[in-house]
Amino acid sequence: MAVTVFERKIASAIPAAKMFKGLVVDDDNLVAKVFPGVVKSMETVQGNGGIGTIKKTTLHEGSELKWYKHKVDKYDPQNYVYEYSIYEGEPWIDGVEKITLGIEIEGSGDGGSVVHVSFKTYPKGNYAALLQGRIDSDKQKIAGMVQAVEQYLLANANAY
């Protein structure tokens, strides 16, 4: 099983603390606002937001999945570090064991931040080559997610 890893740094005009609150701490509320045509709802199924918390994201009709669940693997709000693994959904993705998304945010010298994103796909068996198109598409979605949250926070300066 060859794990596929994608890493990217995204510069943002939003300070690190505010970006972390938008991307991570308040994601249950903000994700549906930022992606109203994609995300229907996001809810905590188990836990309090820390390590081990399980969340369920329900998507609108027309999305590849109806819903998916993810489990928080790392949560360090003081250092703006967050990681979760998507492990279940309907329908689940053939050939995928899990997908892990990691976010690390650091301040930049200009008052903004740099968002470090890591995206790992863990294929089952020999599915790695077959999943390449999906992985390429997911890379674009992740960058778009960070940029959409940034745009929301710029337009709503009093949020957080």
N, C-alpha and C. Protein backbone atom coordinates (compact mmCIF):
# COMPACT_ATOMS: atom_id res chain seq x y z
N MET A 1 0.85 -1.17 0.00
CA MET A 1 0.00 0.00 0.00
C MET A 1 0.89 1.24 0.00
N ALA A 2 0.89 1.99 -1.08
CA ALA A 2 1.69 3.21 -1.19
C ALA A 2 0.82 4.41 -0.83
N VAL A 3 1.17 5.06 0.26
CA VAL A 3 0.44 6.25 0.69
C VAL A 3 0.81 7.40 -0.23
N THR A 4 -0.19 8.10 -0.72
CA THR A 4 0.04 9.27 -1.57
C THR A 4 -0.02 10.51 -0.69
N VAL A 5 1.02 11.33 -0.76
CA VAL A 5 1.11 12.52 0.10
C VAL A 5 1.14 13.77 -0.77
N PHE A 6 0.33 14.74 -0.40
CA PHE A 6 0.31 16.04 -1.05
C PHE A 6 0.49 17.08 0.05
N GLU A 7 1.42 17.98 -0.14
CA GLU A 7 1.63 19.06 0.83
C GLU A 7 1.65 20.39 0.09
N ARG A 8 1.10 21.39 0.76
CA ARG A 8 1.05 22.71 0.13
C ARG A 8 1.06 23.78 1.21
N LYS A 9 1.71 24.90 0.90
CA LYS A 9 1.68 26.08 1.77
C LYS A 9 0.83 27.13 1.08
N ILE A 10 -0.08 27.72 1.83
CA ILE A 10 -0.97 28.73 1.28
C ILE A 10 -0.85 29.99 2.13
N ALA A 11 -0.40 31.07 1.51
CA ALA A 11 -0.28 32.35 2.21
C ALA A 11 -1.65 32.99 2.35
N SER A 12 -1.90 33.61 3.49
CA SER A 12 -3.19 34.24 3.75
C SER A 12 -2.99 35.60 4.42
N ALA A 13 -3.90 36.51 4.16
CA ALA A 13 -3.88 37.82 4.81
C ALA A 13 -4.48 37.76 6.22
N ILE A 14 -5.10 36.63 6.57
CA ILE A 14 -5.76 36.46 7.86
C ILE A 14 -4.74 36.04 8.92
N PRO A 15 -4.74 36.66 10.11
CA PRO A 15 -3.83 36.24 11.18
C PRO A 15 -4.05 34.77 11.56
N ALA A 16 -3.01 34.12 12.04
CA ALA A 16 -3.05 32.68 12.33
C ALA A 16 -4.17 32.29 13.29
N ALA A 17 -4.35 33.03 14.38
CA ALA A 17 -5.38 32.68 15.37
C ALA A 17 -6.78 32.73 14.76
N LYS A 18 -7.04 33.74 13.98
CA LYS A 18 -8.35 33.90 13.34
C LYS A 18 -8.58 32.82 12.28
N MET A 19 -7.56 32.49 11.51
CA MET A 19 -7.67 31.46 10.49
C MET A 19 -7.93 30.10 11.15
N PHE A 20 -7.24 29.82 12.26
CA PHE A 20 -7.44 28.55 12.96
C PHE A 20 -8.88 28.45 13.48
N LYS A 21 -9.39 29.54 14.02
CA LYS A 21 -10.77 29.53 14.51
C LYS A 21 -11.75 29.26 13.38
N GLY A 22 -11.53 29.87 12.22
CA GLY A 22 -12.43 29.68 11.10
C GLY A 22 -12.33 28.29 10.47
N LEU A 23 -11.10 27.83 10.25
CA LEU A 23 -10.88 26.54 9.60
C LEU A 23 -11.15 25.35 10.51
N VAL A 24 -10.89 25.51 11.81
CA VAL A 24 -10.91 24.36 12.71
C VAL A 24 -11.95 24.50 13.83
N VAL A 25 -11.80 25.50 14.67
CA VAL A 25 -12.62 25.60 15.89
C VAL A 25 -14.10 25.74 15.57
N ASP A 26 -14.44 26.56 14.60
CA ASP A 26 -15.85 26.80 14.27
C ASP A 26 -16.25 26.17 12.94
N ASP A 27 -15.55 25.12 12.55
CA ASP A 27 -15.85 24.53 11.24
C ASP A 27 -17.27 23.98 11.15
N ASP A 28 -17.85 23.53 12.26
CA ASP A 28 -19.23 23.04 12.23
C ASP A 28 -20.18 24.09 11.65
N ASN A 29 -19.96 25.35 11.97
CA ASN A 29 -20.83 26.43 11.51
C ASN A 29 -20.34 27.07 10.21
N LEU A 30 -19.06 27.30 10.12
CA LEU A 30 -18.52 28.08 9.00
C LEU A 30 -18.51 27.32 7.68
N VAL A 31 -18.25 26.03 7.71
CA VAL A 31 -18.14 25.26 6.46
C VAL A 31 -19.44 25.33 5.65
N ALA A 32 -20.58 25.19 6.30
CA ALA A 32 -21.85 25.25 5.58
C ALA A 32 -22.12 26.65 5.03
N LYS A 33 -21.63 27.70 5.71
CA LYS A 33 -21.79 29.07 5.21
C LYS A 33 -20.91 29.33 4.00
N VAL A 34 -19.68 28.82 4.06
CA VAL A 34 -18.71 29.07 2.99
C VAL A 34 -19.00 28.20 1.77
N PHE A 35 -19.52 27.00 1.98
CA PHE A 35 -19.82 26.07 0.88
C PHE A 35 -21.30 25.68 0.92
N PRO A 36 -22.22 26.64 0.76
CA PRO A 36 -23.65 26.33 0.93
C PRO A 36 -24.20 25.33 -0.09
N GLY A 37 -23.62 25.25 -1.26
CA GLY A 37 -24.11 24.31 -2.26
C GLY A 37 -23.50 22.93 -2.15
N VAL A 38 -22.51 22.79 -1.28
CA VAL A 38 -21.81 21.51 -1.14
C VAL A 38 -22.11 20.87 0.21
N VAL A 39 -21.85 21.61 1.29
CA VAL A 39 -22.02 21.07 2.64
C VAL A 39 -23.39 21.45 3.18
N LYS A 40 -24.16 20.44 3.54
CA LYS A 40 -25.48 20.65 4.11
C LYS A 40 -25.37 20.92 5.61
N SER A 41 -24.59 20.07 6.29
CA SER A 41 -24.40 20.24 7.73
C SER A 41 -23.15 19.51 8.19
N MET A 42 -22.70 19.91 9.37
CA MET A 42 -21.57 19.26 10.00
C MET A 42 -21.91 19.17 11.48
N GLU A 43 -21.79 17.98 12.05
CA GLU A 43 -22.17 17.81 13.45
C GLU A 43 -21.16 16.93 14.19
N THR A 44 -21.03 17.17 15.47
CA THR A 44 -20.18 16.34 16.32
C THR A 44 -21.00 15.14 16.76
N VAL A 45 -20.53 13.95 16.43
CA VAL A 45 -21.20 12.71 16.78
C VAL A 45 -20.76 12.23 18.16
N GLN A 46 -19.47 12.42 18.44
CA GLN A 46 -18.90 11.96 19.70
C GLN A 46 -17.71 12.84 20.06
N GLY A 47 -17.60 13.20 21.32
CA GLY A 47 -16.45 13.97 21.77
C GLY A 47 -16.73 15.44 21.95
N ASN A 48 -15.65 16.18 22.30
CA ASN A 48 -15.79 17.61 22.61
C ASN A 48 -14.95 18.49 21.69
N GLY A 49 -14.50 17.94 20.57
CA GLY A 49 -13.68 18.72 19.63
C GLY A 49 -12.22 18.36 19.67
N GLY A 50 -11.79 17.72 20.75
CA GLY A 50 -10.38 17.35 20.88
C GLY A 50 -10.06 16.03 20.21
N ILE A 51 -8.90 15.49 20.52
CA ILE A 51 -8.46 14.23 19.93
C ILE A 51 -9.48 13.13 20.22
N GLY A 52 -9.81 12.36 19.20
CA GLY A 52 -10.78 11.28 19.31
C GLY A 52 -12.20 11.69 18.94
N THR A 53 -12.46 12.99 18.80
CA THR A 53 -13.78 13.47 18.42
C THR A 53 -14.14 12.94 17.04
N ILE A 54 -15.40 12.55 16.87
CA ILE A 54 -15.89 12.08 15.58
C ILE A 54 -16.94 13.07 15.10
N LYS A 55 -16.78 13.52 13.86
CA LYS A 55 -17.73 14.46 13.25
C LYS A 55 -18.29 13.85 11.97
N LYS A 56 -19.53 14.21 11.68
CA LYS A 56 -20.19 13.75 10.46
C LYS A 56 -20.53 14.97 9.61
N THR A 57 -20.13 14.91 8.35
CA THR A 57 -20.44 15.97 7.40
C THR A 57 -21.44 15.41 6.40
N THR A 58 -22.58 16.09 6.25
CA THR A 58 -23.60 15.69 5.29
C THR A 58 -23.53 16.65 4.11
N LEU A 59 -23.49 16.07 2.92
CA LEU A 59 -23.34 16.86 1.70
C LEU A 59 -24.67 16.95 0.95
N HIS A 60 -24.79 17.96 0.11
CA HIS A 60 -26.00 18.13 -0.69
C HIS A 60 -26.06 17.10 -1.80
N GLU A 61 -27.26 16.89 -2.32
CA GLU A 61 -27.44 15.98 -3.45
C GLU A 61 -26.57 16.41 -4.62
N GLY A 62 -26.05 15.43 -5.32
CA GLY A 62 -25.16 15.73 -6.44
C GLY A 62 -23.70 15.61 -6.08
N SER A 63 -23.39 15.54 -4.79
CA SER A 63 -22.01 15.33 -4.35
C SER A 63 -21.66 13.86 -4.51
N GLU A 64 -20.37 13.59 -4.56
CA GLU A 64 -19.91 12.21 -4.71
C GLU A 64 -20.36 11.34 -3.55
N LEU A 65 -20.29 11.89 -2.35
CA LEU A 65 -20.72 11.17 -1.15
C LEU A 65 -21.97 11.84 -0.58
N LYS A 66 -22.82 11.06 0.08
CA LYS A 66 -23.97 11.63 0.78
C LYS A 66 -23.49 12.23 2.11
N TRP A 67 -22.58 11.51 2.75
CA TRP A 67 -22.01 11.95 4.02
C TRP A 67 -20.68 11.25 4.24
N TYR A 68 -19.89 11.80 5.16
CA TYR A 68 -18.67 11.12 5.59
C TYR A 68 -18.39 11.46 7.05
N LYS A 69 -17.63 10.57 7.69
CA LYS A 69 -17.23 10.79 9.08
C LYS A 69 -15.73 10.95 9.14
N HIS A 70 -15.30 11.81 10.06
CA HIS A 70 -13.86 11.93 10.30
C HIS A 70 -13.59 11.95 11.81
N LYS A 71 -12.39 11.48 12.13
CA LYS A 71 -11.95 11.41 13.52
C LYS A 71 -10.76 12.32 13.71
N VAL A 72 -10.78 13.12 14.77
CA VAL A 72 -9.69 14.05 15.07
C VAL A 72 -8.51 13.25 15.62
N ASP A 73 -7.37 13.37 14.93
CA ASP A 73 -6.14 12.66 15.32
C ASP A 73 -5.19 13.56 16.11
N LYS A 74 -5.15 14.84 15.77
CA LYS A 74 -4.30 15.82 16.46
C LYS A 74 -5.09 17.11 16.64
N TYR A 75 -4.94 17.71 17.81
CA TYR A 75 -5.60 19.00 18.06
C TYR A 75 -4.75 19.77 19.06
N ASP A 76 -4.12 20.83 18.60
CA ASP A 76 -3.27 21.67 19.44
C ASP A 76 -3.59 23.13 19.13
N PRO A 77 -4.61 23.70 19.81
CA PRO A 77 -5.02 25.06 19.50
C PRO A 77 -3.98 26.13 19.83
N GLN A 78 -3.07 25.85 20.74
CA GLN A 78 -2.03 26.83 21.07
C GLN A 78 -1.03 26.98 19.93
N ASN A 79 -0.77 25.90 19.23
CA ASN A 79 0.19 25.92 18.12
C ASN A 79 -0.49 25.84 16.75
N TYR A 80 -1.81 25.92 16.75
CA TYR A 80 -2.61 25.92 15.51
C TYR A 80 -2.35 24.68 14.65
N VAL A 81 -2.44 23.52 15.28
CA VAL A 81 -2.22 22.24 14.60
C VAL A 81 -3.49 21.40 14.71
N TYR A 82 -3.90 20.81 13.59
CA TYR A 82 -5.12 20.00 13.54
C TYR A 82 -4.94 18.92 12.48
N GLU A 83 -5.38 17.72 12.79
CA GLU A 83 -5.34 16.65 11.80
C GLU A 83 -6.51 15.72 12.04
N TYR A 84 -7.13 15.29 10.95
CA TYR A 84 -8.22 14.33 11.08
C TYR A 84 -8.16 13.32 9.94
N SER A 85 -8.80 12.17 10.18
CA SER A 85 -8.86 11.11 9.18
C SER A 85 -10.30 10.83 8.80
N ILE A 86 -10.57 10.89 7.51
CA ILE A 86 -11.88 10.51 6.97
C ILE A 86 -11.82 9.00 6.77
N TYR A 87 -12.74 8.29 7.39
CA TYR A 87 -12.63 6.83 7.38
C TYR A 87 -13.91 6.11 6.96
N GLU A 88 -15.01 6.84 6.80
CA GLU A 88 -16.28 6.20 6.50
C GLU A 88 -17.16 7.19 5.76
N GLY A 89 -17.99 6.69 4.87
CA GLY A 89 -18.92 7.54 4.15
C GLY A 89 -19.89 6.70 3.36
N GLU A 90 -20.89 7.38 2.79
CA GLU A 90 -21.86 6.67 1.95
C GLU A 90 -22.02 7.40 0.63
N PRO A 91 -21.78 6.74 -0.46
CA PRO A 91 -21.06 5.46 -0.54
C PRO A 91 -19.58 5.68 -0.27
N TRP A 92 -18.91 4.68 0.28
CA TRP A 92 -17.47 4.82 0.53
C TRP A 92 -16.71 4.69 -0.78
N ILE A 93 -15.50 5.23 -0.81
CA ILE A 93 -14.70 5.29 -2.03
C ILE A 93 -13.95 3.97 -2.21
N ASP A 94 -14.23 3.29 -3.32
CA ASP A 94 -13.55 2.02 -3.60
C ASP A 94 -12.04 2.21 -3.57
N GLY A 95 -11.38 1.30 -2.90
CA GLY A 95 -9.92 1.31 -2.90
C GLY A 95 -9.27 2.22 -1.88
N VAL A 96 -10.06 2.90 -1.05
CA VAL A 96 -9.49 3.82 -0.06
C VAL A 96 -9.74 3.28 1.35
N GLU A 97 -8.65 3.21 2.11
CA GLU A 97 -8.77 2.84 3.52
C GLU A 97 -9.18 4.07 4.33
N LYS A 98 -8.43 5.17 4.14
CA LYS A 98 -8.75 6.42 4.82
C LYS A 98 -8.03 7.56 4.11
N ILE A 99 -8.46 8.77 4.42
CA ILE A 99 -7.84 9.99 3.90
C ILE A 99 -7.54 10.87 5.12
N THR A 100 -6.32 11.35 5.23
CA THR A 100 -5.93 12.18 6.37
C THR A 100 -5.60 13.59 5.89
N LEU A 101 -6.18 14.57 6.58
CA LEU A 101 -5.93 15.97 6.28
C LEU A 101 -5.30 16.62 7.50
N GLY A 102 -4.13 17.23 7.31
CA GLY A 102 -3.45 17.93 8.39
C GLY A 102 -3.35 19.41 8.08
N ILE A 103 -3.54 20.23 9.10
CA ILE A 103 -3.46 21.69 8.95
C ILE A 103 -2.55 22.22 10.06
N GLU A 104 -1.59 23.02 9.66
CA GLU A 104 -0.71 23.71 10.60
C GLU A 104 -0.65 25.16 10.14
N ILE A 105 -0.92 26.09 11.04
CA ILE A 105 -0.96 27.50 10.67
C ILE A 105 0.09 28.25 11.48
N GLU A 106 0.86 29.06 10.80
CA GLU A 106 1.85 29.89 11.50
C GLU A 106 1.70 31.33 11.05
N GLY A 107 2.06 32.23 11.93
CA GLY A 107 2.01 33.65 11.59
C GLY A 107 3.06 34.00 10.56
N SER A 108 2.76 35.00 9.76
CA SER A 108 3.74 35.50 8.80
C SER A 108 4.15 36.91 9.23
N GLY A 109 5.23 37.39 8.72
CA GLY A 109 5.77 38.68 9.12
C GLY A 109 4.88 39.87 8.79
N ASP A 110 3.93 39.69 7.90
CA ASP A 110 3.08 40.80 7.47
C ASP A 110 1.73 40.86 8.20
N GLY A 111 1.59 40.08 9.28
CA GLY A 111 0.34 40.08 10.03
C GLY A 111 -0.64 39.02 9.59
N GLY A 112 -0.35 38.36 8.49
CA GLY A 112 -1.19 37.28 8.00
C GLY A 112 -0.72 35.94 8.53
N SER A 113 -0.88 34.92 7.72
CA SER A 113 -0.47 33.58 8.13
C SER A 113 -0.08 32.74 6.93
N VAL A 114 0.51 31.61 7.23
CA VAL A 114 0.80 30.60 6.21
C VAL A 114 0.13 29.32 6.69
N VAL A 115 -0.73 28.77 5.84
CA VAL A 115 -1.43 27.53 6.16
C VAL A 115 -0.70 26.39 5.48
N HIS A 116 -0.17 25.48 6.28
CA HIS A 116 0.50 24.29 5.77
C HIS A 116 -0.54 23.17 5.75
N VAL A 117 -0.80 22.63 4.58
CA VAL A 117 -1.79 21.58 4.43
C VAL A 117 -1.10 20.30 3.98
N SER A 118 -1.41 19.20 4.63
CA SER A 118 -0.94 17.89 4.16
C SER A 118 -2.17 17.01 3.96
N PHE A 119 -2.15 16.28 2.88
CA PHE A 119 -3.28 15.45 2.48
C PHE A 119 -2.71 14.08 2.12
N LYS A 120 -3.14 13.06 2.84
CA LYS A 120 -2.61 11.71 2.60
C LYS A 120 -3.76 10.77 2.28
N THR A 121 -3.58 10.02 1.20
CA THR A 121 -4.56 9.01 0.82
C THR A 121 -3.94 7.64 1.06
N TYR A 122 -4.64 6.82 1.82
CA TYR A 122 -4.18 5.47 2.13
C TYR A 122 -5.01 4.49 1.31
N PRO A 123 -4.48 4.02 0.18
CA PRO A 123 -5.25 3.10 -0.66
C PRO A 123 -5.21 1.67 -0.12
N LYS A 124 -6.20 0.90 -0.50
CA LYS A 124 -6.22 -0.53 -0.18
C LYS A 124 -5.57 -1.26 -1.35
N GLY A 125 -4.75 -2.22 -1.05
CA GLY A 125 -4.16 -3.06 -2.09
C GLY A 125 -3.45 -2.27 -3.17
N ASN A 126 -3.76 -2.57 -4.42
CA ASN A 126 -3.08 -1.96 -5.58
C ASN A 126 -3.90 -0.83 -6.21
N TYR A 127 -4.66 -0.12 -5.43
CA TYR A 127 -5.54 0.92 -5.96
C TYR A 127 -4.85 2.27 -6.17
N ALA A 128 -3.61 2.44 -5.73
CA ALA A 128 -2.96 3.75 -5.77
C ALA A 128 -3.01 4.40 -7.15
N ALA A 129 -2.66 3.67 -8.19
CA ALA A 129 -2.64 4.24 -9.55
C ALA A 129 -4.05 4.63 -10.00
N LEU A 130 -5.04 3.83 -9.63
CA LEU A 130 -6.41 4.11 -10.04
C LEU A 130 -6.98 5.35 -9.36
N LEU A 131 -6.44 5.70 -8.21
CA LEU A 131 -6.95 6.84 -7.44
C LEU A 131 -6.30 8.16 -7.82
N GLN A 132 -5.32 8.16 -8.70
CA GLN A 132 -4.55 9.37 -8.99
C GLN A 132 -5.43 10.54 -9.45
N GLY A 133 -6.39 10.31 -10.32
CA GLY A 133 -7.28 11.38 -10.78
C GLY A 133 -8.08 11.98 -9.64
N ARG A 134 -8.55 11.14 -8.75
CA ARG A 134 -9.30 11.61 -7.59
C ARG A 134 -8.41 12.45 -6.68
N ILE A 135 -7.19 12.00 -6.47
CA ILE A 135 -6.24 12.72 -5.62
C ILE A 135 -5.94 14.09 -6.20
N ASP A 136 -5.74 14.17 -7.50
CA ASP A 136 -5.48 15.46 -8.15
C ASP A 136 -6.65 16.41 -7.95
N SER A 137 -7.87 15.89 -8.06
CA SER A 137 -9.06 16.71 -7.85
C SER A 137 -9.16 17.18 -6.40
N ASP A 138 -8.85 16.30 -5.47
CA ASP A 138 -8.92 16.65 -4.05
C ASP A 138 -7.91 17.74 -3.69
N LYS A 139 -6.75 17.75 -4.33
CA LYS A 139 -5.75 18.79 -4.09
C LYS A 139 -6.33 20.17 -4.36
N GLN A 140 -7.05 20.29 -5.46
CA GLN A 140 -7.66 21.57 -5.82
C GLN A 140 -8.75 21.96 -4.83
N LYS A 141 -9.52 20.98 -4.38
CA LYS A 141 -10.60 21.26 -3.43
C LYS A 141 -10.04 21.79 -2.10
N ILE A 142 -8.93 21.22 -1.65
CA ILE A 142 -8.34 21.64 -0.38
C ILE A 142 -7.86 23.08 -0.45
N ALA A 143 -7.15 23.40 -1.52
CA ALA A 143 -6.67 24.78 -1.69
C ALA A 143 -7.86 25.73 -1.77
N GLY A 144 -8.90 25.32 -2.46
CA GLY A 144 -10.11 26.13 -2.57
C GLY A 144 -10.80 26.34 -1.24
N MET A 145 -10.77 25.32 -0.38
CA MET A 145 -11.38 25.42 0.94
C MET A 145 -10.68 26.50 1.77
N VAL A 146 -9.36 26.48 1.80
CA VAL A 146 -8.60 27.47 2.57
C VAL A 146 -8.87 28.86 2.03
N GLN A 147 -8.86 29.01 0.72
CA GLN A 147 -9.08 30.32 0.11
C GLN A 147 -10.50 30.82 0.33
N ALA A 148 -11.48 29.92 0.33
CA ALA A 148 -12.86 30.32 0.57
C ALA A 148 -13.05 30.80 2.01
N VAL A 149 -12.43 30.13 2.96
CA VAL A 149 -12.50 30.56 4.36
C VAL A 149 -11.83 31.92 4.51
N GLU A 150 -10.69 32.10 3.85
CA GLU A 150 -10.00 33.38 3.89
C GLU A 150 -10.90 34.49 3.35
N GLN A 151 -11.55 34.27 2.23
CA GLN A 151 -12.43 35.27 1.63
C GLN A 151 -13.60 35.60 2.56
N TYR A 152 -14.16 34.58 3.20
CA TYR A 152 -15.25 34.81 4.15
C TYR A 152 -14.78 35.68 5.31
N LEU A 153 -13.61 35.36 5.85
CA LEU A 153 -13.09 36.12 6.99
C LEU A 153 -12.71 37.55 6.60
N LEU A 154 -12.23 37.74 5.39
CA LEU A 154 -11.94 39.10 4.91
C LEU A 154 -13.23 39.91 4.76
N ALA A 155 -14.27 39.27 4.26
CA ALA A 155 -15.55 39.95 4.05
C ALA A 155 -16.31 40.17 5.35
N ASN A 156 -16.00 39.38 6.37
CA ASN A 156 -16.67 39.47 7.67
C ASN A 156 -15.62 39.75 8.74
N ALA A 157 -15.10 40.95 8.71
CA ALA A 157 -13.96 41.33 9.56
C ALA A 157 -14.23 41.15 11.05
N ASN A 158 -15.47 41.22 11.48
CA ASN A 158 -15.78 41.09 12.90
C ASN A 158 -15.96 39.65 13.35
N ALA A 159 -15.92 38.70 12.42
CA ALA A 159 -16.04 37.29 12.79
C ALA A 159 -14.77 36.88 13.52
N TYR A 160 -14.95 36.32 14.66
CA TYR A 160 -13.85 35.81 15.50
C TYR A 160 -12.99 36.92 16.01
